[in-house]
Amino acid sequence: MGPVTEISQVTGAFFEMLGDLRARTQRLEDLVFKLGTLNETVELAAHIPRIPDLLGQVLQTTMRAVRATLGSIMILDRERQTLRTAASRGFPSDLIGDVEIKVGDGVAGKVVQSGSSS
């Protein structure tokens, strides 16, 4: 019964290592994709001189990377403690306009207030 047990243990260890390798490969592929997205964003910054145009392109690139259908970039006015939409994608135009959110209000305001996205 000894050799059968050893073969079973080796087989189990092999499949465990295979599963670990697959998980690590997936994480590596994800990191490579994110690095490519970051590189694309840096390239955009070098070629788009107008900040509003750049923010729109950065948002579009980021949304594509995370497969989002809605997104916005907001700028913090520290003096007034408000957030203003600088770029948005996927929202109806009548919802965006000149929206201002107070720090602490809504999801974006709470993230700014806490200093963390988690």
PDB file of N, CA and C in Angstrom:
ATOM      1  N   MET A   1       0.815  -1.199   0.000  1.00  0.00           N
ATOM      2  CA  MET A   1       0.000   0.000   0.000  1.00  0.00           C
ATOM      3  C   MET A   1       0.862   1.269   0.000  1.00  0.00           C
ATOM      4  N   GLY A   2       2.153   1.179   0.381  1.00  0.00           N
ATOM      5  CA  GLY A   2       3.059   2.319   0.465  1.00  0.00           C
ATOM      6  C   GLY A   2       3.230   3.077  -0.837  1.00  0.00           C
ATOM      7  N   PRO A   3       3.583   2.413  -1.949  1.00  0.00           N
ATOM      8  CA  PRO A   3       3.796   3.126  -3.210  1.00  0.00           C
ATOM      9  C   PRO A   3       2.530   3.837  -3.697  1.00  0.00           C
ATOM     10  N   VAL A   4       1.364   3.244  -3.486  1.00  0.00           N
ATOM     11  CA  VAL A   4       0.105   3.864  -3.918  1.00  0.00           C
ATOM     12  C   VAL A   4      -0.127   5.155  -3.139  1.00  0.00           C
ATOM     13  N   THR A   5       0.157   5.121  -1.847  1.00  0.00           N
ATOM     14  CA  THR A   5      -0.001   6.308  -1.007  1.00  0.00           C
ATOM     15  C   THR A   5       0.961   7.406  -1.455  1.00  0.00           C
ATOM     16  N   GLU A   6       2.203   7.017  -1.747  1.00  0.00           N
ATOM     17  CA  GLU A   6       3.182   7.995  -2.214  1.00  0.00           C
ATOM     18  C   GLU A   6       2.757   8.624  -3.527  1.00  0.00           C
ATOM     19  N   ILE A   7       2.275   7.818  -4.445  1.00  0.00           N
ATOM     20  CA  ILE A   7       1.810   8.333  -5.738  1.00  0.00           C
ATOM     21  C   ILE A   7       0.642   9.278  -5.515  1.00  0.00           C
ATOM     22  N   SER A   8      -0.240   8.940  -4.630  1.00  0.00           N
ATOM     23  CA  SER A   8      -1.382   9.792  -4.322  1.00  0.00           C
ATOM     24  C   SER A   8      -0.931  11.133  -3.739  1.00  0.00           C
ATOM     25  N   GLN A   9       0.045  11.092  -2.852  1.00  0.00           N
ATOM     26  CA  GLN A   9       0.559  12.326  -2.255  1.00  0.00           C
ATOM     27  C   GLN A   9       1.267  13.191  -3.292  1.00  0.00           C
ATOM     28  N   VAL A  10       2.056  12.561  -4.144  1.00  0.00           N
ATOM     29  CA  VAL A  10       2.758  13.304  -5.193  1.00  0.00           C
ATOM     30  C   VAL A  10       1.746  13.922  -6.160  1.00  0.00           C
ATOM     31  N   THR A  11       0.721  13.161  -6.504  1.00  0.00           N
ATOM     32  CA  THR A  11      -0.320  13.669  -7.396  1.00  0.00           C
ATOM     33  C   THR A  11      -1.027  14.856  -6.763  1.00  0.00           C
ATOM     34  N   GLY A  12      -1.365  14.725  -5.481  1.00  0.00           N
ATOM     35  CA  GLY A  12      -2.021  15.831  -4.771  1.00  0.00           C
ATOM     36  C   GLY A  12      -1.142  17.075  -4.739  1.00  0.00           C
ATOM     37  N   ALA A  13       0.137  16.894  -4.454  1.00  0.00           N
ATOM     38  CA  ALA A  13       1.066  18.024  -4.418  1.00  0.00           C
ATOM     39  C   ALA A  13       1.202  18.664  -5.799  1.00  0.00           C
ATOM     40  N   PHE A  14       1.240  17.831  -6.828  1.00  0.00           N
ATOM     41  CA  PHE A  14       1.336  18.342  -8.197  1.00  0.00           C
ATOM     42  C   PHE A  14       0.132  19.212  -8.538  1.00  0.00           C
ATOM     43  N   PHE A  15      -1.075  18.737  -8.226  1.00  0.00           N
ATOM     44  CA  PHE A  15      -2.269  19.502  -8.550  1.00  0.00           C
ATOM     45  C   PHE A  15      -2.369  20.779  -7.710  1.00  0.00           C
ATOM     46  N   GLU A  16      -1.856  20.739  -6.493  1.00  0.00           N
ATOM     47  CA  GLU A  16      -1.825  21.943  -5.656  1.00  0.00           C
ATOM     48  C   GLU A  16      -0.871  22.978  -6.271  1.00  0.00           C
ATOM     49  N   MET A  17       0.294  22.510  -6.715  1.00  0.00           N
ATOM     50  CA  MET A  17       1.252  23.417  -7.351  1.00  0.00           C
ATOM     51  C   MET A  17       0.699  23.963  -8.658  1.00  0.00           C
ATOM     52  N   LEU A  18      -0.007  23.129  -9.405  1.00  0.00           N
ATOM     53  CA  LEU A  18      -0.611  23.568 -10.661  1.00  0.00           C
ATOM     54  C   LEU A  18      -1.648  24.660 -10.408  1.00  0.00           C
ATOM     55  N   GLY A  19      -2.473  24.462  -9.389  1.00  0.00           N
ATOM     56  CA  GLY A  19      -3.473  25.489  -9.034  1.00  0.00           C
ATOM     57  C   GLY A  19      -2.808  26.788  -8.621  1.00  0.00           C
ATOM     58  N   ASP A  20      -1.737  26.702  -7.835  1.00  0.00           N
ATOM     59  CA  ASP A  20      -1.005  27.885  -7.405  1.00  0.00           C
ATOM     60  C   ASP A  20      -0.386  28.597  -8.605  1.00  0.00           C
ATOM     61  N   LEU A  21       0.175  27.829  -9.533  1.00  0.00           N
ATOM     62  CA  LEU A  21       0.771  28.406 -10.733  1.00  0.00           C
ATOM     63  C   LEU A  21      -0.282  29.139 -11.570  1.00  0.00           C
ATOM     64  N   ARG A  22      -1.453  28.545 -11.708  1.00  0.00           N
ATOM     65  CA  ARG A  22      -2.534  29.199 -12.462  1.00  0.00           C
ATOM     66  C   ARG A  22      -2.935  30.514 -11.804  1.00  0.00           C
ATOM     67  N   ALA A  23      -3.066  30.522 -10.477  1.00  0.00           N
ATOM     68  CA  ALA A  23      -3.457  31.742  -9.756  1.00  0.00           C
ATOM     69  C   ALA A  23      -2.389  32.819  -9.919  1.00  0.00           C
ATOM     70  N   ARG A  24      -1.126  32.426  -9.810  1.00  0.00           N
ATOM     71  CA  ARG A  24      -0.035  33.395  -9.956  1.00  0.00           C
ATOM     72  C   ARG A  24       0.052  33.924 -11.384  1.00  0.00           C
ATOM     73  N   THR A  25      -0.201  33.063 -12.346  1.00  0.00           N
ATOM     74  CA  THR A  25      -0.198  33.489 -13.743  1.00  0.00           C
ATOM     75  C   THR A  25      -1.305  34.512 -13.983  1.00  0.00           C
ATOM     76  N   GLN A  26      -2.470  34.277 -13.420  1.00  0.00           N
ATOM     77  CA  GLN A  26      -3.590  35.212 -13.565  1.00  0.00           C
ATOM     78  C   GLN A  26      -3.246  36.566 -12.940  1.00  0.00           C
ATOM     79  N   ARG A  27      -2.637  36.532 -11.754  1.00  0.00           N
ATOM     80  CA  ARG A  27      -2.245  37.792 -11.102  1.00  0.00           C
ATOM     81  C   ARG A  27      -1.200  38.523 -11.936  1.00  0.00           C
ATOM     82  N   LEU A  28      -0.260  37.792 -12.493  1.00  0.00           N
ATOM     83  CA  LEU A  28       0.766  38.398 -13.329  1.00  0.00           C
ATOM     84  C   LEU A  28       0.154  39.026 -14.582  1.00  0.00           C
ATOM     85  N   GLU A  29      -0.760  38.324 -15.220  1.00  0.00           N
ATOM     86  CA  GLU A  29      -1.430  38.866 -16.404  1.00  0.00           C
ATOM     87  C   GLU A  29      -2.186  40.143 -16.052  1.00  0.00           C
ATOM     88  N   ASP A  30      -2.823  40.165 -14.888  1.00  0.00           N
ATOM     89  CA  ASP A  30      -3.548  41.347 -14.438  1.00  0.00           C
ATOM     90  C   ASP A  30      -2.586  42.515 -14.226  1.00  0.00           C
ATOM     91  N   LEU A  31      -1.449  42.252 -13.603  1.00  0.00           N
ATOM     92  CA  LEU A  31      -0.459  43.310 -13.375  1.00  0.00           C
ATOM     93  C   LEU A  31       0.107  43.830 -14.692  1.00  0.00           C
ATOM     94  N   VAL A  32       0.359  42.955 -15.631  1.00  0.00           N
ATOM     95  CA  VAL A  32       0.869  43.372 -16.943  1.00  0.00           C
ATOM     96  C   VAL A  32      -0.160  44.255 -17.643  1.00  0.00           C
ATOM     97  N   PHE A  33      -1.435  43.890 -17.551  1.00  0.00           N
ATOM     98  CA  PHE A  33      -2.504  44.688 -18.156  1.00  0.00           C
ATOM     99  C   PHE A  33      -2.556  46.069 -17.514  1.00  0.00           C
ATOM    100  N   LYS A  34      -2.470  46.117 -16.180  1.00  0.00           N
ATOM    101  CA  LYS A  34      -2.518  47.403 -15.478  1.00  0.00           C
ATOM    102  C   LYS A  34      -1.304  48.257 -15.804  1.00  0.00           C
ATOM    103  N   LEU A  35      -0.144  47.638 -15.913  1.00  0.00           N
ATOM    104  CA  LEU A  35       1.059  48.373 -16.276  1.00  0.00           C
ATOM    105  C   LEU A  35       0.930  48.947 -17.682  1.00  0.00           C
ATOM    106  N   GLY A  36       0.364  48.179 -18.588  1.00  0.00           N
ATOM    107  CA  GLY A  36       0.124  48.676 -19.947  1.00  0.00           C
ATOM    108  C   GLY A  36      -0.812  49.864 -19.945  1.00  0.00           C
ATOM    109  N   THR A  37      -1.846  49.807 -19.110  1.00  0.00           N
ATOM    110  CA  THR A  37      -2.796  50.915 -18.994  1.00  0.00           C
ATOM    111  C   THR A  37      -2.101  52.151 -18.436  1.00  0.00           C
ATOM    112  N   LEU A  38      -1.270  51.963 -17.427  1.00  0.00           N
ATOM    113  CA  LEU A  38      -0.527  53.080 -16.857  1.00  0.00           C
ATOM    114  C   LEU A  38       0.407  53.687 -17.898  1.00  0.00           C
ATOM    115  N   ASN A  39       1.082  52.848 -18.662  1.00  0.00           N
ATOM    116  CA  ASN A  39       1.976  53.331 -19.709  1.00  0.00           C
ATOM    117  C   ASN A  39       1.196  54.132 -20.757  1.00  0.00           C
ATOM    118  N   GLU A  40       0.026  53.635 -21.116  1.00  0.00           N
ATOM    119  CA  GLU A  40      -0.818  54.339 -22.085  1.00  0.00           C
ATOM    120  C   GLU A  40      -1.212  55.718 -21.544  1.00  0.00           C
ATOM    121  N   THR A  41      -1.501  55.786 -20.251  1.00  0.00           N
ATOM    122  CA  THR A  41      -1.881  57.048 -19.624  1.00  0.00           C
ATOM    123  C   THR A  41      -0.712  58.035 -19.637  1.00  0.00           C
ATOM    124  N   VAL A  42       0.482  57.553 -19.367  1.00  0.00           N
ATOM    125  CA  VAL A  42       1.667  58.416 -19.402  1.00  0.00           C
ATOM    126  C   VAL A  42       1.891  58.939 -20.820  1.00  0.00           C
ATOM    127  N   GLU A  43       1.706  58.078 -21.801  1.00  0.00           N
ATOM    128  CA  GLU A  43       1.835  58.501 -23.198  1.00  0.00           C
ATOM    129  C   GLU A  43       0.816  59.588 -23.534  1.00  0.00           C
ATOM    130  N   LEU A  44      -0.420  59.420 -23.045  1.00  0.00           N
ATOM    131  CA  LEU A  44      -1.449  60.437 -23.276  1.00  0.00           C
ATOM    132  C   LEU A  44      -1.014  61.778 -22.693  1.00  0.00           C
ATOM    133  N   ALA A  45      -0.501  61.738 -21.478  1.00  0.00           N
ATOM    134  CA  ALA A  45      -0.091  62.973 -20.799  1.00  0.00           C
ATOM    135  C   ALA A  45       0.990  63.707 -21.592  1.00  0.00           C
ATOM    136  N   ALA A  46       1.832  62.957 -22.265  1.00  0.00           N
ATOM    137  CA  ALA A  46       2.909  63.572 -23.035  1.00  0.00           C
ATOM    138  C   ALA A  46       2.415  64.199 -24.337  1.00  0.00           C
ATOM    139  N   HIS A  47       1.235  63.771 -24.817  1.00  0.00           N
ATOM    140  CA  HIS A  47       0.769  64.223 -26.123  1.00  0.00           C
ATOM    141  C   HIS A  47      -0.499  65.067 -26.104  1.00  0.00           C
ATOM    142  N   ILE A  48      -1.140  65.207 -24.950  1.00  0.00           N
ATOM    143  CA  ILE A  48      -2.380  65.984 -24.882  1.00  0.00           C
ATOM    144  C   ILE A  48      -2.137  67.169 -23.951  1.00  0.00           C
ATOM    145  N   PRO A  49      -1.978  68.358 -24.508  1.00  0.00           N
ATOM    146  CA  PRO A  49      -1.605  69.511 -23.688  1.00  0.00           C
ATOM    147  C   PRO A  49      -2.737  70.098 -22.840  1.00  0.00           C
ATOM    148  N   ARG A  50      -3.977  69.958 -23.284  1.00  0.00           N
ATOM    149  CA  ARG A  50      -5.088  70.557 -22.534  1.00  0.00           C
ATOM    150  C   ARG A  50      -5.558  69.609 -21.435  1.00  0.00           C
ATOM    151  N   ILE A  51      -5.577  70.098 -20.198  1.00  0.00           N
ATOM    152  CA  ILE A  51      -5.936  69.279 -19.039  1.00  0.00           C
ATOM    153  C   ILE A  51      -7.329  68.656 -19.179  1.00  0.00           C
ATOM    154  N   PRO A  52      -8.368  69.384 -19.590  1.00  0.00           N
ATOM    155  CA  PRO A  52      -9.680  68.740 -19.715  1.00  0.00           C
ATOM    156  C   PRO A  52      -9.681  67.571 -20.705  1.00  0.00           C
ATOM    157  N   ASP A  53      -8.976  67.736 -21.817  1.00  0.00           N
ATOM    158  CA  ASP A  53      -8.886  66.651 -22.803  1.00  0.00           C
ATOM    159  C   ASP A  53      -8.115  65.464 -22.233  1.00  0.00           C
ATOM    160  N   LEU A  54      -7.025  65.775 -21.521  1.00  0.00           N
ATOM    161  CA  LEU A  54      -6.217  64.726 -20.903  1.00  0.00           C
ATOM    162  C   LEU A  54      -7.036  63.950 -19.876  1.00  0.00           C
ATOM    163  N   LEU A  55      -7.766  64.641 -19.019  1.00  0.00           N
ATOM    164  CA  LEU A  55      -8.572  63.965 -18.005  1.00  0.00           C
ATOM    165  C   LEU A  55      -9.631  63.062 -18.636  1.00  0.00           C
ATOM    166  N   GLY A  56     -10.237  63.530 -19.721  1.00  0.00           N
ATOM    167  CA  GLY A  56     -11.217  62.706 -20.426  1.00  0.00           C
ATOM    168  C   GLY A  56     -10.599  61.434 -20.973  1.00  0.00           C
ATOM    169  N   GLN A  57      -9.399  61.543 -21.531  1.00  0.00           N
ATOM    170  CA  GLN A  57      -8.717  60.370 -22.072  1.00  0.00           C
ATOM    171  C   GLN A  57      -8.242  59.430 -20.966  1.00  0.00           C
ATOM    172  N   VAL A  58      -7.747  59.995 -19.861  1.00  0.00           N
ATOM    173  CA  VAL A  58      -7.321  59.174 -18.726  1.00  0.00           C
ATOM    174  C   VAL A  58      -8.524  58.407 -18.177  1.00  0.00           C
ATOM    175  N   LEU A  59      -9.647  59.079 -18.049  1.00  0.00           N
ATOM    176  CA  LEU A  59     -10.857  58.419 -17.557  1.00  0.00           C
ATOM    177  C   LEU A  59     -11.280  57.298 -18.494  1.00  0.00           C
ATOM    178  N   GLN A  60     -11.286  57.563 -19.776  1.00  0.00           N
ATOM    179  CA  GLN A  60     -11.683  56.541 -20.753  1.00  0.00           C
ATOM    180  C   GLN A  60     -10.758  55.328 -20.686  1.00  0.00           C
ATOM    181  N   THR A  61      -9.461  55.570 -20.590  1.00  0.00           N
ATOM    182  CA  THR A  61      -8.488  54.477 -20.506  1.00  0.00           C
ATOM    183  C   THR A  61      -8.687  53.669 -19.231  1.00  0.00           C
ATOM    184  N   THR A  62      -8.883  54.363 -18.122  1.00  0.00           N
ATOM    185  CA  THR A  62      -9.081  53.693 -16.835  1.00  0.00           C
ATOM    186  C   THR A  62     -10.365  52.875 -16.831  1.00  0.00           C
ATOM    187  N   MET A  63     -11.436  53.443 -17.364  1.00  0.00           N
ATOM    188  CA  MET A  63     -12.712  52.720 -17.410  1.00  0.00           C
ATOM    189  C   MET A  63     -12.588  51.461 -18.255  1.00  0.00           C
ATOM    190  N   ARG A  64     -11.874  51.560 -19.364  1.00  0.00           N
ATOM    191  CA  ARG A  64     -11.673  50.380 -20.205  1.00  0.00           C
ATOM    192  C   ARG A  64     -10.883  49.315 -19.439  1.00  0.00           C
ATOM    193  N   ALA A  65      -9.885  49.749 -18.674  1.00  0.00           N
ATOM    194  CA  ALA A  65      -9.044  48.809 -17.925  1.00  0.00           C
ATOM    195  C   ALA A  65      -9.825  48.052 -16.862  1.00  0.00           C
ATOM    196  N   VAL A  66     -10.781  48.714 -16.244  1.00  0.00           N
ATOM    197  CA  VAL A  66     -11.559  48.059 -15.175  1.00  0.00           C
ATOM    198  C   VAL A  66     -12.947  47.638 -15.644  1.00  0.00           C
ATOM    199  N   ARG A  67     -13.175  47.786 -16.944  1.00  0.00           N
ATOM    200  CA  ARG A  67     -14.436  47.388 -17.570  1.00  0.00           C
ATOM    201  C   ARG A  67     -15.648  48.086 -16.942  1.00  0.00           C
ATOM    202  N   ALA A  68     -15.506  49.396 -16.713  1.00  0.00           N
ATOM    203  CA  ALA A  68     -16.587  50.199 -16.136  1.00  0.00           C
ATOM    204  C   ALA A  68     -17.406  50.840 -17.245  1.00  0.00           C
ATOM    205  N   THR A  69     -18.679  51.069 -16.980  1.00  0.00           N
ATOM    206  CA  THR A  69     -19.542  51.748 -17.945  1.00  0.00           C
ATOM    207  C   THR A  69     -19.842  53.180 -17.519  1.00  0.00           C
ATOM    208  N   LEU A  70     -19.626  53.488 -16.254  1.00  0.00           N
ATOM    209  CA  LEU A  70     -19.816  54.836 -15.719  1.00  0.00           C
ATOM    210  C   LEU A  70     -18.561  55.245 -14.972  1.00  0.00           C
ATOM    211  N   GLY A  71     -18.179  56.505 -15.109  1.00  0.00           N
ATOM    212  CA  GLY A  71     -17.024  56.967 -14.364  1.00  0.00           C
ATOM    213  C   GLY A  71     -16.898  58.472 -14.401  1.00  0.00           C
ATOM    214  N   SER A  72     -16.170  59.005 -13.432  1.00  0.00           N
ATOM    215  CA  SER A  72     -15.905  60.434 -13.417  1.00  0.00           C
ATOM    216  C   SER A  72     -14.602  60.695 -12.683  1.00  0.00           C
ATOM    217  N   ILE A  73     -14.014  61.825 -13.006  1.00  0.00           N
ATOM    218  CA  ILE A  73     -12.863  62.346 -12.284  1.00  0.00           C
ATOM    219  C   ILE A  73     -13.330  63.642 -11.659  1.00  0.00           C
ATOM    220  N   MET A  74     -13.095  63.767 -10.371  1.00  0.00           N
ATOM    221  CA  MET A  74     -13.519  64.962  -9.658  1.00  0.00           C
ATOM    222  C   MET A  74     -12.297  65.672  -9.102  1.00  0.00           C
ATOM    223  N   ILE A  75     -12.360  66.996  -9.087  1.00  0.00           N
ATOM    224  CA  ILE A  75     -11.272  67.835  -8.586  1.00  0.00           C
ATOM    225  C   ILE A  75     -11.705  68.413  -7.243  1.00  0.00           C
ATOM    226  N   LEU A  76     -10.806  68.342  -6.272  1.00  0.00           N
ATOM    227  CA  LEU A  76     -11.079  68.854  -4.930  1.00  0.00           C
ATOM    228  C   LEU A  76     -10.724  70.327  -4.843  1.00  0.00           C
ATOM    229  N   ASP A  77     -11.684  71.131  -4.398  1.00  0.00           N
ATOM    230  CA  ASP A  77     -11.442  72.533  -4.059  1.00  0.00           C
ATOM    231  C   ASP A  77     -11.244  72.549  -2.547  1.00  0.00           C
ATOM    232  N   ARG A  78      -9.999  72.570  -2.108  1.00  0.00           N
ATOM    233  CA  ARG A  78      -9.691  72.472  -0.673  1.00  0.00           C
ATOM    234  C   ARG A  78     -10.278  73.633   0.122  1.00  0.00           C
ATOM    235  N   GLU A  79     -10.244  74.793  -0.458  1.00  0.00           N
ATOM    236  CA  GLU A  79     -10.740  75.979   0.241  1.00  0.00           C
ATOM    237  C   GLU A  79     -12.240  75.878   0.521  1.00  0.00           C
ATOM    238  N   ARG A  80     -12.997  75.484  -0.482  1.00  0.00           N
ATOM    239  CA  ARG A  80     -14.458  75.376  -0.341  1.00  0.00           C
ATOM    240  C   ARG A  80     -14.904  74.006   0.167  1.00  0.00           C
ATOM    241  N   GLN A  81     -13.946  73.021   0.205  1.00  0.00           N
ATOM    242  CA  GLN A  81     -14.239  71.650   0.629  1.00  0.00           C
ATOM    243  C   GLN A  81     -15.364  71.041  -0.221  1.00  0.00           C
ATOM    244  N   THR A  82     -15.197  71.186  -1.535  1.00  0.00           N
ATOM    245  CA  THR A  82     -16.146  70.612  -2.486  1.00  0.00           C
ATOM    246  C   THR A  82     -15.385  69.867  -3.583  1.00  0.00           C
ATOM    247  N   LEU A  83     -16.109  68.960  -4.231  1.00  0.00           N
ATOM    248  CA  LEU A  83     -15.604  68.236  -5.393  1.00  0.00           C
ATOM    249  C   LEU A  83     -16.390  68.698  -6.605  1.00  0.00           C
ATOM    250  N   ARG A  84     -15.687  68.890  -7.715  1.00  0.00           N
ATOM    251  CA  ARG A  84     -16.324  69.293  -8.959  1.00  0.00           C
ATOM    252  C   ARG A  84     -15.949  68.294 -10.042  1.00  0.00           C
ATOM    253  N   THR A  85     -16.912  67.922 -10.860  1.00  0.00           N
ATOM    254  CA  THR A  85     -16.657  66.973 -11.945  1.00  0.00           C
ATOM    255  C   THR A  85     -15.800  67.627 -13.012  1.00  0.00           C
ATOM    256  N   ALA A  86     -14.656  67.001 -13.303  1.00  0.00           N
ATOM    257  CA  ALA A  86     -13.750  67.500 -14.335  1.00  0.00           C
ATOM    258  C   ALA A  86     -13.870  66.695 -15.621  1.00  0.00           C
ATOM    259  N   ALA A  87     -14.284  65.439 -15.494  1.00  0.00           N
ATOM    260  CA  ALA A  87     -14.479  64.569 -16.664  1.00  0.00           C
ATOM    261  C   ALA A  87     -15.458  63.474 -16.264  1.00  0.00           C
ATOM    262  N   SER A  88     -16.295  63.079 -17.202  1.00  0.00           N
ATOM    263  CA  SER A  88     -17.231  61.985 -16.925  1.00  0.00           C
ATOM    264  C   SER A  88     -17.534  61.236 -18.200  1.00  0.00           C
ATOM    265  N   ARG A  89     -17.901  59.978 -18.045  1.00  0.00           N
ATOM    266  CA  ARG A  89     -18.281  59.124 -19.176  1.00  0.00           C
ATOM    267  C   ARG A  89     -19.432  58.237 -18.724  1.00  0.00           C
ATOM    268  N   GLY A  90     -20.392  58.069 -19.605  1.00  0.00           N
ATOM    269  CA  GLY A  90     -21.471  57.127 -19.366  1.00  0.00           C
ATOM    270  C   GLY A  90     -22.688  57.683 -18.659  1.00  0.00           C
ATOM    271  N   PHE A  91     -22.609  58.902 -18.147  1.00  0.00           N
ATOM    272  CA  PHE A  91     -23.746  59.512 -17.458  1.00  0.00           C
ATOM    273  C   PHE A  91     -24.553  60.336 -18.446  1.00  0.00           C
ATOM    274  N   PRO A  92     -25.876  60.415 -18.257  1.00  0.00           N
ATOM    275  CA  PRO A  92     -26.662  61.343 -19.087  1.00  0.00           C
ATOM    276  C   PRO A  92     -26.151  62.768 -18.858  1.00  0.00           C
ATOM    277  N   SER A  93     -26.067  63.559 -19.912  1.00  0.00           N
ATOM    278  CA  SER A  93     -25.483  64.902 -19.809  1.00  0.00           C
ATOM    279  C   SER A  93     -26.231  65.797 -18.832  1.00  0.00           C
ATOM    280  N   ASP A  94     -27.534  65.582 -18.668  1.00  0.00           N
ATOM    281  CA  ASP A  94     -28.281  66.437 -17.750  1.00  0.00           C
ATOM    282  C   ASP A  94     -27.977  66.110 -16.282  1.00  0.00           C
ATOM    283  N   LEU A  95     -27.367  64.966 -16.005  1.00  0.00           N
ATOM    284  CA  LEU A  95     -27.010  64.617 -14.632  1.00  0.00           C
ATOM    285  C   LEU A  95     -25.679  65.212 -14.205  1.00  0.00           C
ATOM    286  N   ILE A  96     -24.797  65.460 -15.135  1.00  0.00           N
ATOM    287  CA  ILE A  96     -23.455  65.898 -14.782  1.00  0.00           C
ATOM    288  C   ILE A  96     -23.399  67.413 -14.625  1.00  0.00           C
ATOM    289  N   GLY A  97     -23.501  68.150 -15.698  1.00  0.00           N
ATOM    290  CA  GLY A  97     -23.456  69.610 -15.626  1.00  0.00           C
ATOM    291  C   GLY A  97     -22.359  70.122 -14.720  1.00  0.00           C
ATOM    292  N   ASP A  98     -22.685  71.106 -13.900  1.00  0.00           N
ATOM    293  CA  ASP A  98     -21.744  71.697 -12.946  1.00  0.00           C
ATOM    294  C   ASP A  98     -22.010  71.167 -11.547  1.00  0.00           C
ATOM    295  N   VAL A  99     -21.914  69.881 -11.391  1.00  0.00           N
ATOM    296  CA  VAL A  99     -22.184  69.233 -10.106  1.00  0.00           C
ATOM    297  C   VAL A  99     -21.068  69.537  -9.122  1.00  0.00           C
ATOM    298  N   GLU A 100     -21.458  69.893  -7.916  1.00  0.00           N
ATOM    299  CA  GLU A 100     -20.518  70.041  -6.822  1.00  0.00           C
ATOM    300  C   GLU A 100     -20.991  69.173  -5.669  1.00  0.00           C
ATOM    301  N   ILE A 101     -20.045  68.472  -5.065  1.00  0.00           N
ATOM    302  CA  ILE A 101     -20.360  67.607  -3.931  1.00  0.00           C
ATOM    303  C   ILE A 101     -19.514  68.067  -2.754  1.00  0.00           C
ATOM    304  N   LYS A 102     -20.144  68.212  -1.618  1.00  0.00           N
ATOM    305  CA  LYS A 102     -19.395  68.602  -0.417  1.00  0.00           C
ATOM    306  C   LYS A 102     -18.602  67.412   0.094  1.00  0.00           C
ATOM    307  N   VAL A 103     -17.397  67.690   0.583  1.00  0.00           N
ATOM    308  CA  VAL A 103     -16.588  66.644   1.195  1.00  0.00           C
ATOM    309  C   VAL A 103     -17.394  66.036   2.334  1.00  0.00           C
ATOM    310  N   GLY A 104     -17.504  64.701   2.319  1.00  0.00           N
ATOM    311  CA  GLY A 104     -18.286  63.986   3.328  1.00  0.00           C
ATOM    312  C   GLY A 104     -19.639  63.538   2.815  1.00  0.00           C
ATOM    313  N   ASP A 105     -20.101  64.121   1.694  1.00  0.00           N
ATOM    314  CA  ASP A 105     -21.393  63.735   1.114  1.00  0.00           C
ATOM    315  C   ASP A 105     -21.178  62.715  -0.008  1.00  0.00           C
ATOM    316  N   GLY A 106     -22.091  61.772  -0.119  1.00  0.00           N
ATOM    317  CA  GLY A 106     -22.020  60.783  -1.184  1.00  0.00           C
ATOM    318  C   GLY A 106     -20.769  59.928  -1.091  1.00  0.00           C
ATOM    319  N   VAL A 107     -20.635  59.006  -2.028  1.00  0.00           N
ATOM    320  CA  VAL A 107     -19.496  58.089  -2.024  1.00  0.00           C
ATOM    321  C   VAL A 107     -18.189  58.853  -2.232  1.00  0.00           C
ATOM    322  N   ALA A 108     -18.132  59.706  -3.252  1.00  0.00           N
ATOM    323  CA  ALA A 108     -16.896  60.432  -3.549  1.00  0.00           C
ATOM    324  C   ALA A 108     -16.498  61.343  -2.388  1.00  0.00           C
ATOM    325  N   GLY A 109     -17.458  62.040  -1.820  1.00  0.00           N
ATOM    326  CA  GLY A 109     -17.173  62.937  -0.697  1.00  0.00           C
ATOM    327  C   GLY A 109     -16.679  62.198   0.530  1.00  0.00           C
ATOM    328  N   LYS A 110     -17.233  61.008   0.764  1.00  0.00           N
ATOM    329  CA  LYS A 110     -16.799  60.195   1.910  1.00  0.00           C
ATOM    330  C   LYS A 110     -15.386  59.638   1.681  1.00  0.00           C
ATOM    331  N   VAL A 111     -15.070  59.278   0.435  1.00  0.00           N
ATOM    332  CA  VAL A 111     -13.721  58.778   0.131  1.00  0.00           C
ATOM    333  C   VAL A 111     -12.698  59.884   0.382  1.00  0.00           C
ATOM    334  N   VAL A 112     -12.998  61.096  -0.064  1.00  0.00           N
ATOM    335  CA  VAL A 112     -12.082  62.217   0.160  1.00  0.00           C
ATOM    336  C   VAL A 112     -11.941  62.474   1.662  1.00  0.00           C
ATOM    337  N   GLN A 113     -13.044  62.446   2.358  1.00  0.00           N
ATOM    338  CA  GLN A 113     -13.020  62.707   3.803  1.00  0.00           C
ATOM    339  C   GLN A 113     -12.185  61.675   4.554  1.00  0.00           C
ATOM    340  N   SER A 114     -12.338  60.406   4.173  1.00  0.00           N
ATOM    341  CA  SER A 114     -11.616  59.347   4.872  1.00  0.00           C
ATOM    342  C   SER A 114     -10.171  59.210   4.391  1.00  0.00           C
ATOM    343  N   GLY A 115      -9.913  59.706   3.183  1.00  0.00           N
ATOM    344  CA  GLY A 115      -8.569  59.584   2.637  1.00  0.00           C
ATOM    345  C   GLY A 115      -8.257  58.200   2.105  1.00  0.00           C
ATOM    346  N   SER A 116      -9.294  57.362   1.924  1.00  0.00           N
ATOM    347  CA  SER A 116      -9.081  55.987   1.478  1.00  0.00           C
ATOM    348  C   SER A 116     -10.214  55.557   0.585  1.00  0.00           C
ATOM    349  N   SER A 117      -9.902  54.659  -0.380  1.00  0.00           N
ATOM    350  CA  SER A 117     -10.950  54.140  -1.262  1.00  0.00           C
ATOM    351  C   SER A 117     -11.457  52.796  -0.776  1.00  0.00           C
ATOM    352  N   SER A 118     -10.956  52.304   0.365  1.00  0.00           N
ATOM    353  CA  SER A 118     -11.400  50.996   0.845  1.00  0.00           C
ATOM    354  C   SER A 118     -12.263  51.125   2.089  1.00  0.00           C
TER     355      SER A 118
END
